Amino acid sequence: MTKQEAIEEVKKLVAAPSCCPEAKAAGEAYLKAVGTDGEKAAADALLKELAEDVTSVDDLIALTKSEHGVKIFGADGAKALEAQAEKAKAAGGKYCVCPACQAGGALLDNPGALA
């Protein structure tokens, strides 16, 4: 992944409706810091936040099967999301299928591209 591709992933992350406020703030701080002396620190902070926030596909599957997941997504939504996650896992996916986790996972897989 090139640095420009990493920047595009950060932009996708902060634009994703599923992005938590902490990851959004870290992503926005990184984008503001690109090309400055604070870029490395902002990249490190973003990666630290993503490590805490990005959900694995296995954890997503477990959530969709739980009572809490059914409350969040509804019974039909949980089943549909479980099927989508199972399909992603079968294709080698490691992360939750939401846009925020997909972008965050791409960044976690390519940490050197941020700095």
PDB file of N, CA and C in Angstrom:
ATOM      1  N   MET A   1       0.846  -1.177   0.000  1.00  0.00           N
ATOM      2  CA  MET A   1       0.000   0.000   0.000  1.00  0.00           C
ATOM      3  C   MET A   1       0.887   1.234   0.000  1.00  0.00           C
ATOM      4  N   THR A   2       0.583   2.161  -0.877  1.00  0.00           N
ATOM      5  CA  THR A   2       1.323   3.411  -0.921  1.00  0.00           C
ATOM      6  C   THR A   2       0.784   4.366   0.142  1.00  0.00           C
ATOM      7  N   LYS A   3       1.538   5.419   0.382  1.00  0.00           N
ATOM      8  CA  LYS A   3       1.076   6.412   1.351  1.00  0.00           C
ATOM      9  C   LYS A   3      -0.229   7.042   0.872  1.00  0.00           C
ATOM     10  N   GLN A   4      -0.335   7.333  -0.419  1.00  0.00           N
ATOM     11  CA  GLN A   4      -1.564   7.940  -0.930  1.00  0.00           C
ATOM     12  C   GLN A   4      -2.748   6.989  -0.764  1.00  0.00           C
ATOM     13  N   GLU A   5      -2.534   5.698  -0.981  1.00  0.00           N
ATOM     14  CA  GLU A   5      -3.607   4.716  -0.762  1.00  0.00           C
ATOM     15  C   GLU A   5      -3.995   4.671   0.712  1.00  0.00           C
ATOM     16  N   ALA A   6      -3.005   4.781   1.602  1.00  0.00           N
ATOM     17  CA  ALA A   6      -3.293   4.801   3.040  1.00  0.00           C
ATOM     18  C   ALA A   6      -4.125   6.033   3.395  1.00  0.00           C
ATOM     19  N   ILE A   7      -3.772   7.165   2.832  1.00  0.00           N
ATOM     20  CA  ILE A   7      -4.539   8.395   3.084  1.00  0.00           C
ATOM     21  C   ILE A   7      -5.975   8.209   2.616  1.00  0.00           C
ATOM     22  N   GLU A   8      -6.169   7.576   1.472  1.00  0.00           N
ATOM     23  CA  GLU A   8      -7.521   7.321   0.963  1.00  0.00           C
ATOM     24  C   GLU A   8      -8.295   6.395   1.906  1.00  0.00           C
ATOM     25  N   GLU A   9      -7.618   5.405   2.493  1.00  0.00           N
ATOM     26  CA  GLU A   9      -8.272   4.520   3.465  1.00  0.00           C
ATOM     27  C   GLU A   9      -8.672   5.291   4.719  1.00  0.00           C
ATOM     28  N   VAL A  10      -7.824   6.218   5.149  1.00  0.00           N
ATOM     29  CA  VAL A  10      -8.168   7.046   6.314  1.00  0.00           C
ATOM     30  C   VAL A  10      -9.398   7.891   5.995  1.00  0.00           C
ATOM     31  N   LYS A  11      -9.452   8.437   4.800  1.00  0.00           N
ATOM     32  CA  LYS A  11     -10.625   9.222   4.395  1.00  0.00           C
ATOM     33  C   LYS A  11     -11.887   8.362   4.390  1.00  0.00           C
ATOM     34  N   LYS A  12     -11.772   7.119   3.911  1.00  0.00           N
ATOM     35  CA  LYS A  12     -12.919   6.199   3.936  1.00  0.00           C
ATOM     36  C   LYS A  12     -13.330   5.911   5.374  1.00  0.00           C
ATOM     37  N   LEU A  13     -12.344   5.716   6.235  1.00  0.00           N
ATOM     38  CA  LEU A  13     -12.603   5.433   7.646  1.00  0.00           C
ATOM     39  C   LEU A  13     -13.413   6.556   8.275  1.00  0.00           C
ATOM     40  N   VAL A  14     -12.942   7.793   8.165  1.00  0.00           N
ATOM     41  CA  VAL A  14     -13.611   8.897   8.847  1.00  0.00           C
ATOM     42  C   VAL A  14     -14.976   9.205   8.231  1.00  0.00           C
ATOM     43  N   ALA A  15     -15.193   8.829   6.983  1.00  0.00           N
ATOM     44  CA  ALA A  15     -16.483   9.067   6.329  1.00  0.00           C
ATOM     45  C   ALA A  15     -17.501   7.962   6.606  1.00  0.00           C
ATOM     46  N   ALA A  16     -17.036   6.830   7.115  1.00  0.00           N
ATOM     47  CA  ALA A  16     -17.918   5.679   7.328  1.00  0.00           C
ATOM     48  C   ALA A  16     -18.900   5.943   8.467  1.00  0.00           C
ATOM     49  N   PRO A  17     -20.185   5.702   8.233  1.00  0.00           N
ATOM     50  CA  PRO A  17     -21.178   5.881   9.303  1.00  0.00           C
ATOM     51  C   PRO A  17     -20.919   4.968  10.500  1.00  0.00           C
ATOM     52  N   SER A  18     -20.244   3.860  10.273  1.00  0.00           N
ATOM     53  CA  SER A  18     -19.974   2.901  11.342  1.00  0.00           C
ATOM     54  C   SER A  18     -18.709   3.225  12.134  1.00  0.00           C
ATOM     55  N   CYS A  19     -18.031   4.302  11.803  1.00  0.00           N
ATOM     56  CA  CYS A  19     -16.786   4.677  12.498  1.00  0.00           C
ATOM     57  C   CYS A  19     -17.122   5.281  13.855  1.00  0.00           C
ATOM     58  N   CYS A  20     -16.474   4.784  14.895  1.00  0.00           N
ATOM     59  CA  CYS A  20     -16.705   5.322  16.236  1.00  0.00           C
ATOM     60  C   CYS A  20     -16.064   6.710  16.350  1.00  0.00           C
ATOM     61  N   PRO A  21     -16.534   7.513  17.281  1.00  0.00           N
ATOM     62  CA  PRO A  21     -16.012   8.882  17.415  1.00  0.00           C
ATOM     63  C   PRO A  21     -14.505   8.946  17.668  1.00  0.00           C
ATOM     64  N   GLU A  22     -13.975   8.008  18.437  1.00  0.00           N
ATOM     65  CA  GLU A  22     -12.540   8.030  18.754  1.00  0.00           C
ATOM     66  C   GLU A  22     -11.685   7.758  17.515  1.00  0.00           C
ATOM     67  N   ALA A  23     -12.094   6.781  16.707  1.00  0.00           N
ATOM     68  CA  ALA A  23     -11.345   6.479  15.483  1.00  0.00           C
ATOM     69  C   ALA A  23     -11.485   7.614  14.478  1.00  0.00           C
ATOM     70  N   LYS A  24     -12.668   8.199  14.415  1.00  0.00           N
ATOM     71  CA  LYS A  24     -12.879   9.332  13.509  1.00  0.00           C
ATOM     72  C   LYS A  24     -11.961  10.487  13.893  1.00  0.00           C
ATOM     73  N   ALA A  25     -11.890  10.796  15.177  1.00  0.00           N
ATOM     74  CA  ALA A  25     -11.025  11.881  15.646  1.00  0.00           C
ATOM     75  C   ALA A  25      -9.554  11.583  15.346  1.00  0.00           C
ATOM     76  N   ALA A  26      -9.131  10.347  15.568  1.00  0.00           N
ATOM     77  CA  ALA A  26      -7.743   9.975  15.301  1.00  0.00           C
ATOM     78  C   ALA A  26      -7.445  10.050  13.805  1.00  0.00           C
ATOM     79  N   GLY A  27      -8.396   9.629  12.988  1.00  0.00           N
ATOM     80  CA  GLY A  27      -8.216   9.709  11.545  1.00  0.00           C
ATOM     81  C   GLY A  27      -8.143  11.145  11.063  1.00  0.00           C
ATOM     82  N   GLU A  28      -9.031  11.991  11.580  1.00  0.00           N
ATOM     83  CA  GLU A  28      -9.006  13.409  11.201  1.00  0.00           C
ATOM     84  C   GLU A  28      -7.707  14.074  11.649  1.00  0.00           C
ATOM     85  N   ALA A  29      -7.228  13.714  12.841  1.00  0.00           N
ATOM     86  CA  ALA A  29      -5.968  14.277  13.334  1.00  0.00           C
ATOM     87  C   ALA A  29      -4.809  13.844  12.440  1.00  0.00           C
ATOM     88  N   TYR A  30      -4.829  12.589  12.000  1.00  0.00           N
ATOM     89  CA  TYR A  30      -3.776  12.120  11.095  1.00  0.00           C
ATOM     90  C   TYR A  30      -3.814  12.905   9.781  1.00  0.00           C
ATOM     91  N   LEU A  31      -4.994  13.061   9.205  1.00  0.00           N
ATOM     92  CA  LEU A  31      -5.102  13.772   7.927  1.00  0.00           C
ATOM     93  C   LEU A  31      -4.592  15.210   8.044  1.00  0.00           C
ATOM     94  N   LYS A  32      -4.852  15.847   9.172  1.00  0.00           N
ATOM     95  CA  LYS A  32      -4.358  17.210   9.397  1.00  0.00           C
ATOM     96  C   LYS A  32      -2.842  17.237   9.573  1.00  0.00           C
ATOM     97  N   ALA A  33      -2.277  16.145  10.079  1.00  0.00           N
ATOM     98  CA  ALA A  33      -0.851  16.103  10.382  1.00  0.00           C
ATOM     99  C   ALA A  33       0.014  15.670   9.192  1.00  0.00           C
ATOM    100  N   VAL A  34      -0.587  15.145   8.142  1.00  0.00           N
ATOM    101  CA  VAL A  34       0.194  14.683   6.991  1.00  0.00           C
ATOM    102  C   VAL A  34       1.078  15.819   6.487  1.00  0.00           C
ATOM    103  N   GLY A  35       2.359  15.505   6.335  1.00  0.00           N
ATOM    104  CA  GLY A  35       3.323  16.485   5.834  1.00  0.00           C
ATOM    105  C   GLY A  35       3.898  17.405   6.892  1.00  0.00           C
ATOM    106  N   THR A  36       3.537  17.166   8.170  1.00  0.00           N
ATOM    107  CA  THR A  36       4.062  17.990   9.259  1.00  0.00           C
ATOM    108  C   THR A  36       4.966  17.149  10.156  1.00  0.00           C
ATOM    109  N   ASP A  37       5.590  17.818  11.102  1.00  0.00           N
ATOM    110  CA  ASP A  37       6.440  17.111  12.065  1.00  0.00           C
ATOM    111  C   ASP A  37       5.626  16.176  12.967  1.00  0.00           C
ATOM    112  N   GLY A  38       4.312  16.405  13.061  1.00  0.00           N
ATOM    113  CA  GLY A  38       3.461  15.582  13.908  1.00  0.00           C
ATOM    114  C   GLY A  38       2.874  14.369  13.217  1.00  0.00           C
ATOM    115  N   GLU A  39       3.246  14.134  11.969  1.00  0.00           N
ATOM    116  CA  GLU A  39       2.650  13.039  11.208  1.00  0.00           C
ATOM    117  C   GLU A  39       2.910  11.667  11.834  1.00  0.00           C
ATOM    118  N   LYS A  40       4.127  11.394  12.236  1.00  0.00           N
ATOM    119  CA  LYS A  40       4.459  10.075  12.808  1.00  0.00           C
ATOM    120  C   LYS A  40       3.667   9.834  14.088  1.00  0.00           C
ATOM    121  N   ALA A  41       3.588  10.815  14.959  1.00  0.00           N
ATOM    122  CA  ALA A  41       2.836  10.664  16.211  1.00  0.00           C
ATOM    123  C   ALA A  41       1.360  10.456  15.921  1.00  0.00           C
ATOM    124  N   ALA A  42       0.824  11.173  14.941  1.00  0.00           N
ATOM    125  CA  ALA A  42      -0.588  11.021  14.587  1.00  0.00           C
ATOM    126  C   ALA A  42      -0.849   9.647  13.973  1.00  0.00           C
ATOM    127  N   ALA A  43       0.091   9.163  13.170  1.00  0.00           N
ATOM    128  CA  ALA A  43      -0.044   7.820  12.590  1.00  0.00           C
ATOM    129  C   ALA A  43      -0.028   6.769  13.692  1.00  0.00           C
ATOM    130  N   ASP A  44       0.887   6.917  14.636  1.00  0.00           N
ATOM    131  CA  ASP A  44       0.966   5.960  15.751  1.00  0.00           C
ATOM    132  C   ASP A  44      -0.319   5.979  16.577  1.00  0.00           C
ATOM    133  N   ALA A  45      -0.854   7.169  16.824  1.00  0.00           N
ATOM    134  CA  ALA A  45      -2.092   7.288  17.606  1.00  0.00           C
ATOM    135  C   ALA A  45      -3.264   6.658  16.849  1.00  0.00           C
ATOM    136  N   LEU A  46      -3.314   6.861  15.549  1.00  0.00           N
ATOM    137  CA  LEU A  46      -4.380   6.270  14.746  1.00  0.00           C
ATOM    138  C   LEU A  46      -4.288   4.747  14.769  1.00  0.00           C
ATOM    139  N   LEU A  47      -3.099   4.214  14.576  1.00  0.00           N
ATOM    140  CA  LEU A  47      -2.943   2.752  14.591  1.00  0.00           C
ATOM    141  C   LEU A  47      -3.296   2.165  15.956  1.00  0.00           C
ATOM    142  N   LYS A  48      -2.936   2.865  17.021  1.00  0.00           N
ATOM    143  CA  LYS A  48      -3.283   2.398  18.366  1.00  0.00           C
ATOM    144  C   LYS A  48      -4.799   2.357  18.529  1.00  0.00           C
ATOM    145  N   GLU A  49      -5.471   3.408  18.076  1.00  0.00           N
ATOM    146  CA  GLU A  49      -6.928   3.459  18.172  1.00  0.00           C
ATOM    147  C   GLU A  49      -7.564   2.361  17.332  1.00  0.00           C
ATOM    148  N   LEU A  50      -7.063   2.162  16.131  1.00  0.00           N
ATOM    149  CA  LEU A  50      -7.627   1.124  15.258  1.00  0.00           C
ATOM    150  C   LEU A  50      -7.448  -0.265  15.859  1.00  0.00           C
ATOM    151  N   ALA A  51      -6.317  -0.499  16.507  1.00  0.00           N
ATOM    152  CA  ALA A  51      -6.089  -1.803  17.137  1.00  0.00           C
ATOM    153  C   ALA A  51      -7.136  -2.082  18.210  1.00  0.00           C
ATOM    154  N   GLU A  52      -7.633  -1.039  18.842  1.00  0.00           N
ATOM    155  CA  GLU A  52      -8.662  -1.185  19.873  1.00  0.00           C
ATOM    156  C   GLU A  52     -10.062  -1.309  19.279  1.00  0.00           C
ATOM    157  N   ASP A  53     -10.286  -0.697  18.119  1.00  0.00           N
ATOM    158  CA  ASP A  53     -11.642  -0.558  17.600  1.00  0.00           C
ATOM    159  C   ASP A  53     -12.041  -1.520  16.488  1.00  0.00           C
ATOM    160  N   VAL A  54     -11.102  -1.892  15.642  1.00  0.00           N
ATOM    161  CA  VAL A  54     -11.451  -2.732  14.493  1.00  0.00           C
ATOM    162  C   VAL A  54     -11.849  -4.126  14.987  1.00  0.00           C
ATOM    163  N   THR A  55     -12.989  -4.576  14.518  1.00  0.00           N
ATOM    164  CA  THR A  55     -13.555  -5.853  14.937  1.00  0.00           C
ATOM    165  C   THR A  55     -13.157  -6.950  13.960  1.00  0.00           C
ATOM    166  N   SER A  56     -12.808  -8.097  14.486  1.00  0.00           N
ATOM    167  CA  SER A  56     -12.486  -9.231  13.623  1.00  0.00           C
ATOM    168  C   SER A  56     -13.774  -9.823  13.058  1.00  0.00           C
ATOM    169  N   VAL A  57     -13.643 -10.530  11.960  1.00  0.00           N
ATOM    170  CA  VAL A  57     -14.815 -11.172  11.362  1.00  0.00           C
ATOM    171  C   VAL A  57     -15.386 -12.213  12.327  1.00  0.00           C
ATOM    172  N   ASP A  58     -14.525 -12.893  13.067  1.00  0.00           N
ATOM    173  CA  ASP A  58     -15.008 -13.891  14.033  1.00  0.00           C
ATOM    174  C   ASP A  58     -15.815 -13.234  15.152  1.00  0.00           C
ATOM    175  N   ASP A  59     -15.360 -12.075  15.623  1.00  0.00           N
ATOM    176  CA  ASP A  59     -16.113 -11.373  16.661  1.00  0.00           C
ATOM    177  C   ASP A  59     -17.448 -10.857  16.116  1.00  0.00           C
ATOM    178  N   LEU A  60     -17.459 -10.437  14.854  1.00  0.00           N
ATOM    179  CA  LEU A  60     -18.717 -10.015  14.244  1.00  0.00           C
ATOM    180  C   LEU A  60     -19.689 -11.184  14.157  1.00  0.00           C
ATOM    181  N   ILE A  61     -19.201 -12.325  13.740  1.00  0.00           N
ATOM    182  CA  ILE A  61     -20.064 -13.512  13.640  1.00  0.00           C
ATOM    183  C   ILE A  61     -20.629 -13.860  15.015  1.00  0.00           C
ATOM    184  N   ALA A  62     -19.784 -13.824  16.029  1.00  0.00           N
ATOM    185  CA  ALA A  62     -20.248 -14.117  17.389  1.00  0.00           C
ATOM    186  C   ALA A  62     -21.315 -13.111  17.829  1.00  0.00           C
ATOM    187  N   LEU A  63     -21.108 -11.841  17.491  1.00  0.00           N
ATOM    188  CA  LEU A  63     -22.099 -10.823  17.852  1.00  0.00           C
ATOM    189  C   LEU A  63     -23.431 -11.091  17.172  1.00  0.00           C
ATOM    190  N   THR A  64     -23.403 -11.430  15.898  1.00  0.00           N
ATOM    191  CA  THR A  64     -24.661 -11.654  15.180  1.00  0.00           C
ATOM    192  C   THR A  64     -25.435 -12.844  15.727  1.00  0.00           C
ATOM    193  N   LYS A  65     -24.758 -13.756  16.371  1.00  0.00           N
ATOM    194  CA  LYS A  65     -25.402 -14.945  16.945  1.00  0.00           C
ATOM    195  C   LYS A  65     -25.874 -14.732  18.379  1.00  0.00           C
ATOM    196  N   SER A  66     -25.494 -13.592  18.955  1.00  0.00           N
ATOM    197  CA  SER A  66     -25.818 -13.333  20.361  1.00  0.00           C
ATOM    198  C   SER A  66     -27.148 -12.604  20.503  1.00  0.00           C
ATOM    199  N   GLU A  67     -27.671 -12.640  21.703  1.00  0.00           N
ATOM    200  CA  GLU A  67     -28.899 -11.903  22.021  1.00  0.00           C
ATOM    201  C   GLU A  67     -28.682 -10.402  21.814  1.00  0.00           C
ATOM    202  N   HIS A  68     -27.513  -9.927  22.211  1.00  0.00           N
ATOM    203  CA  HIS A  68     -27.192  -8.509  22.046  1.00  0.00           C
ATOM    204  C   HIS A  68     -27.167  -8.132  20.557  1.00  0.00           C
ATOM    205  N   GLY A  69     -26.591  -8.993  19.733  1.00  0.00           N
ATOM    206  CA  GLY A  69     -26.549  -8.739  18.299  1.00  0.00           C
ATOM    207  C   GLY A  69     -27.936  -8.675  17.684  1.00  0.00           C
ATOM    208  N   VAL A  70     -28.820  -9.549  18.135  1.00  0.00           N
ATOM    209  CA  VAL A  70     -30.198  -9.547  17.636  1.00  0.00           C
ATOM    210  C   VAL A  70     -30.898  -8.250  18.058  1.00  0.00           C
ATOM    211  N   LYS A  71     -30.595  -7.765  19.270  1.00  0.00           N
ATOM    212  CA  LYS A  71     -31.176  -6.493  19.712  1.00  0.00           C
ATOM    213  C   LYS A  71     -30.676  -5.335  18.839  1.00  0.00           C
ATOM    214  N   ILE A  72     -29.415  -5.371  18.471  1.00  0.00           N
ATOM    215  CA  ILE A  72     -28.824  -4.296  17.672  1.00  0.00           C
ATOM    216  C   ILE A  72     -29.350  -4.320  16.236  1.00  0.00           C
ATOM    217  N   PHE A  73     -29.289  -5.493  15.615  1.00  0.00           N
ATOM    218  CA  PHE A  73     -29.559  -5.608  14.182  1.00  0.00           C
ATOM    219  C   PHE A  73     -30.950  -6.119  13.843  1.00  0.00           C
ATOM    220  N   GLY A  74     -31.676  -6.615  14.844  1.00  0.00           N
ATOM    221  CA  GLY A  74     -32.939  -7.296  14.582  1.00  0.00           C
ATOM    222  C   GLY A  74     -32.637  -8.725  14.146  1.00  0.00           C
ATOM    223  N   ALA A  75     -33.601  -9.611  14.297  1.00  0.00           N
ATOM    224  CA  ALA A  75     -33.365 -11.032  13.990  1.00  0.00           C
ATOM    225  C   ALA A  75     -32.962 -11.229  12.536  1.00  0.00           C
ATOM    226  N   ASP A  76     -33.709 -10.637  11.619  1.00  0.00           N
ATOM    227  CA  ASP A  76     -33.398 -10.807  10.201  1.00  0.00           C
ATOM    228  C   ASP A  76     -32.084 -10.130   9.833  1.00  0.00           C
ATOM    229  N   GLY A  77     -31.856  -8.952  10.384  1.00  0.00           N
ATOM    230  CA  GLY A  77     -30.606  -8.250  10.115  1.00  0.00           C
ATOM    231  C   GLY A  77     -29.396  -8.996  10.625  1.00  0.00           C
ATOM    232  N   ALA A  78     -29.530  -9.586  11.810  1.00  0.00           N
ATOM    233  CA  ALA A  78     -28.417 -10.354  12.373  1.00  0.00           C
ATOM    234  C   ALA A  78     -28.103 -11.568  11.506  1.00  0.00           C
ATOM    235  N   LYS A  79     -29.145 -12.248  11.040  1.00  0.00           N
ATOM    236  CA  LYS A  79     -28.931 -13.418  10.175  1.00  0.00           C
ATOM    237  C   LYS A  79     -28.284 -13.014   8.857  1.00  0.00           C
ATOM    238  N   ALA A  80     -28.745 -11.921   8.283  1.00  0.00           N
ATOM    239  CA  ALA A  80     -28.170 -11.451   7.017  1.00  0.00           C
ATOM    240  C   ALA A  80     -26.715 -11.027   7.202  1.00  0.00           C
ATOM    241  N   LEU A  81     -26.427 -10.333   8.293  1.00  0.00           N
ATOM    242  CA  LEU A  81     -25.063  -9.901   8.566  1.00  0.00           C
ATOM    243  C   LEU A  81     -24.161 -11.092   8.859  1.00  0.00           C
ATOM    244  N   GLU A  82     -24.699 -12.078   9.563  1.00  0.00           N
ATOM    245  CA  GLU A  82     -23.924 -13.295   9.827  1.00  0.00           C
ATOM    246  C   GLU A  82     -23.556 -13.971   8.507  1.00  0.00           C
ATOM    247  N   ALA A  83     -24.505 -14.071   7.602  1.00  0.00           N
ATOM    248  CA  ALA A  83     -24.236 -14.705   6.299  1.00  0.00           C
ATOM    249  C   ALA A  83     -23.175 -13.927   5.532  1.00  0.00           C
ATOM    250  N   GLN A  84     -23.270 -12.604   5.569  1.00  0.00           N
ATOM    251  CA  GLN A  84     -22.285 -11.765   4.880  1.00  0.00           C
ATOM    252  C   GLN A  84     -20.901 -11.952   5.503  1.00  0.00           C
ATOM    253  N   ALA A  85     -20.848 -12.008   6.821  1.00  0.00           N
ATOM    254  CA  ALA A  85     -19.573 -12.194   7.516  1.00  0.00           C
ATOM    255  C   ALA A  85     -18.989 -13.575   7.254  1.00  0.00           C
ATOM    256  N   GLU A  86     -19.831 -14.593   7.251  1.00  0.00           N
ATOM    257  CA  GLU A  86     -19.358 -15.952   6.953  1.00  0.00           C
ATOM    258  C   GLU A  86     -18.789 -16.027   5.534  1.00  0.00           C
ATOM    259  N   LYS A  87     -19.451 -15.370   4.595  1.00  0.00           N
ATOM    260  CA  LYS A  87     -18.968 -15.342   3.210  1.00  0.00           C
ATOM    261  C   LYS A  87     -17.614 -14.633   3.129  1.00  0.00           C
ATOM    262  N   ALA A  88     -17.495 -13.509   3.832  1.00  0.00           N
ATOM    263  CA  ALA A  88     -16.231 -12.776   3.850  1.00  0.00           C
ATOM    264  C   ALA A  88     -15.116 -13.616   4.473  1.00  0.00           C
ATOM    265  N   LYS A  89     -15.440 -14.311   5.552  1.00  0.00           N
ATOM    266  CA  LYS A  89     -14.439 -15.160   6.212  1.00  0.00           C
ATOM    267  C   LYS A  89     -13.999 -16.288   5.288  1.00  0.00           C
ATOM    268  N   ALA A  90     -14.936 -16.895   4.593  1.00  0.00           N
ATOM    269  CA  ALA A  90     -14.607 -17.982   3.665  1.00  0.00           C
ATOM    270  C   ALA A  90     -13.695 -17.504   2.538  1.00  0.00           C
ATOM    271  N   ALA A  91     -13.814 -16.223   2.192  1.00  0.00           N
ATOM    272  CA  ALA A  91     -12.979 -15.642   1.134  1.00  0.00           C
ATOM    273  C   ALA A  91     -11.648 -15.127   1.683  1.00  0.00           C
ATOM    274  N   GLY A  92     -11.394 -15.357   2.972  1.00  0.00           N
ATOM    275  CA  GLY A  92     -10.126 -14.949   3.564  1.00  0.00           C
ATOM    276  C   GLY A  92     -10.177 -13.643   4.321  1.00  0.00           C
ATOM    277  N   GLY A  93     -11.370 -13.063   4.475  1.00  0.00           N
ATOM    278  CA  GLY A  93     -11.498 -11.805   5.201  1.00  0.00           C
ATOM    279  C   GLY A  93     -11.190 -11.964   6.673  1.00  0.00           C
ATOM    280  N   LYS A  94     -10.532 -10.959   7.246  1.00  0.00           N
ATOM    281  CA  LYS A  94     -10.155 -10.994   8.658  1.00  0.00           C
ATOM    282  C   LYS A  94     -10.976 -10.052   9.511  1.00  0.00           C
ATOM    283  N   TYR A  95     -11.617  -9.072   8.861  1.00  0.00           N
ATOM    284  CA  TYR A  95     -12.243  -7.997   9.606  1.00  0.00           C
ATOM    285  C   TYR A  95     -13.745  -7.938   9.366  1.00  0.00           C
ATOM    286  N   CYS A  96     -14.417  -7.286  10.309  1.00  0.00           N
ATOM    287  CA  CYS A  96     -15.835  -6.972  10.191  1.00  0.00           C
ATOM    288  C   CYS A  96     -16.088  -6.403   8.803  1.00  0.00           C
ATOM    289  N   VAL A  97     -17.284  -6.612   8.295  1.00  0.00           N
ATOM    290  CA  VAL A  97     -17.600  -6.208   6.926  1.00  0.00           C
ATOM    291  C   VAL A  97     -18.057  -4.754   6.804  1.00  0.00           C
ATOM    292  N   CYS A  98     -18.161  -4.015   7.893  1.00  0.00           N
ATOM    293  CA  CYS A  98     -18.585  -2.613   7.812  1.00  0.00           C
ATOM    294  C   CYS A  98     -17.469  -1.780   7.181  1.00  0.00           C
ATOM    295  N   PRO A  99     -17.829  -0.648   6.589  1.00  0.00           N
ATOM    296  CA  PRO A  99     -16.822   0.190   5.926  1.00  0.00           C
ATOM    297  C   PRO A  99     -15.700   0.677   6.850  1.00  0.00           C
ATOM    298  N   ALA A 100     -16.021   0.994   8.089  1.00  0.00           N
ATOM    299  CA  ALA A 100     -14.995   1.481   9.011  1.00  0.00           C
ATOM    300  C   ALA A 100     -13.971   0.389   9.320  1.00  0.00           C
ATOM    301  N   CYS A 101     -14.443  -0.807   9.611  1.00  0.00           N
ATOM    302  CA  CYS A 101     -13.514  -1.898   9.927  1.00  0.00           C
ATOM    303  C   CYS A 101     -12.731  -2.347   8.693  1.00  0.00           C
ATOM    304  N   GLN A 102     -13.343  -2.277   7.517  1.00  0.00           N
ATOM    305  CA  GLN A 102     -12.622  -2.627   6.300  1.00  0.00           C
ATOM    306  C   GLN A 102     -11.472  -1.656   6.056  1.00  0.00           C
ATOM    307  N   ALA A 103     -11.730  -0.368   6.184  1.00  0.00           N
ATOM    308  CA  ALA A 103     -10.675   0.632   6.004  1.00  0.00           C
ATOM    309  C   ALA A 103      -9.644   0.535   7.124  1.00  0.00           C
ATOM    310  N   GLY A 104     -10.123   0.416   8.359  1.00  0.00           N
ATOM    311  CA  GLY A 104      -9.210   0.299   9.495  1.00  0.00           C
ATOM    312  C   GLY A 104      -8.345  -0.949   9.414  1.00  0.00           C
ATOM    313  N   GLY A 105      -8.940  -2.047   8.981  1.00  0.00           N
ATOM    314  CA  GLY A 105      -8.172  -3.286   8.829  1.00  0.00           C
ATOM    315  C   GLY A 105      -7.095  -3.159   7.766  1.00  0.00           C
ATOM    316  N   ALA A 106      -7.418  -2.488   6.670  1.00  0.00           N
ATOM    317  CA  ALA A 106      -6.419  -2.278   5.615  1.00  0.00           C
ATOM    318  C   ALA A 106      -5.228  -1.476   6.157  1.00  0.00           C
ATOM    319  N   LEU A 107      -5.523  -0.499   6.997  1.00  0.00           N
ATOM    320  CA  LEU A 107      -4.450   0.306   7.606  1.00  0.00           C
ATOM    321  C   LEU A 107      -3.644  -0.515   8.608  1.00  0.00           C
ATOM    322  N   LEU A 108      -4.325  -1.330   9.403  1.00  0.00           N
ATOM    323  CA  LEU A 108      -3.607  -2.182  10.365  1.00  0.00           C
ATOM    324  C   LEU A 108      -2.705  -3.188   9.655  1.00  0.00           C
ATOM    325  N   ASP A 109      -3.130  -3.635   8.483  1.00  0.00           N
ATOM    326  CA  ASP A 109      -2.334  -4.588   7.714  1.00  0.00           C
ATOM    327  C   ASP A 109      -1.137  -3.917   7.025  1.00  0.00           C
ATOM    328  N   ASN A 110      -1.156  -2.602   6.933  1.00  0.00           N
ATOM    329  CA  ASN A 110      -0.097  -1.854   6.239  1.00  0.00           C
ATOM    330  C   ASN A 110       0.336  -0.640   7.063  1.00  0.00           C
ATOM    331  N   PRO A 111       0.795  -0.856   8.288  1.00  0.00           N
ATOM    332  CA  PRO A 111       1.077   0.279   9.178  1.00  0.00           C
ATOM    333  C   PRO A 111       2.171   1.200   8.663  1.00  0.00           C
ATOM    334  N   GLY A 112       3.125   0.689   7.934  1.00  0.00           N
ATOM    335  CA  GLY A 112       4.221   1.510   7.439  1.00  0.00           C
ATOM    336  C   GLY A 112       3.809   2.498   6.373  1.00  0.00           C
ATOM    337  N   ALA A 113       2.648   2.307   5.790  1.00  0.00           N
ATOM    338  CA  ALA A 113       2.214   3.211   4.722  1.00  0.00           C
ATOM    339  C   ALA A 113       1.731   4.556   5.249  1.00  0.00           C
ATOM    340  N   LEU A 114       1.436   4.641   6.523  1.00  0.00           N
ATOM    341  CA  LEU A 114       0.911   5.895   7.087  1.00  0.00           C
ATOM    342  C   LEU A 114       1.982   6.956   7.324  1.00  0.00           C
ATOM    343  N   ALA A 115       3.183   6.538   7.605  1.00  0.00           N
ATOM    344  CA  ALA A 115       4.212   7.526   7.965  1.00  0.00           C
ATOM    345  C   ALA A 115       5.215   7.741   6.849  1.00  0.00           C
TER     346      ALA A 115
END
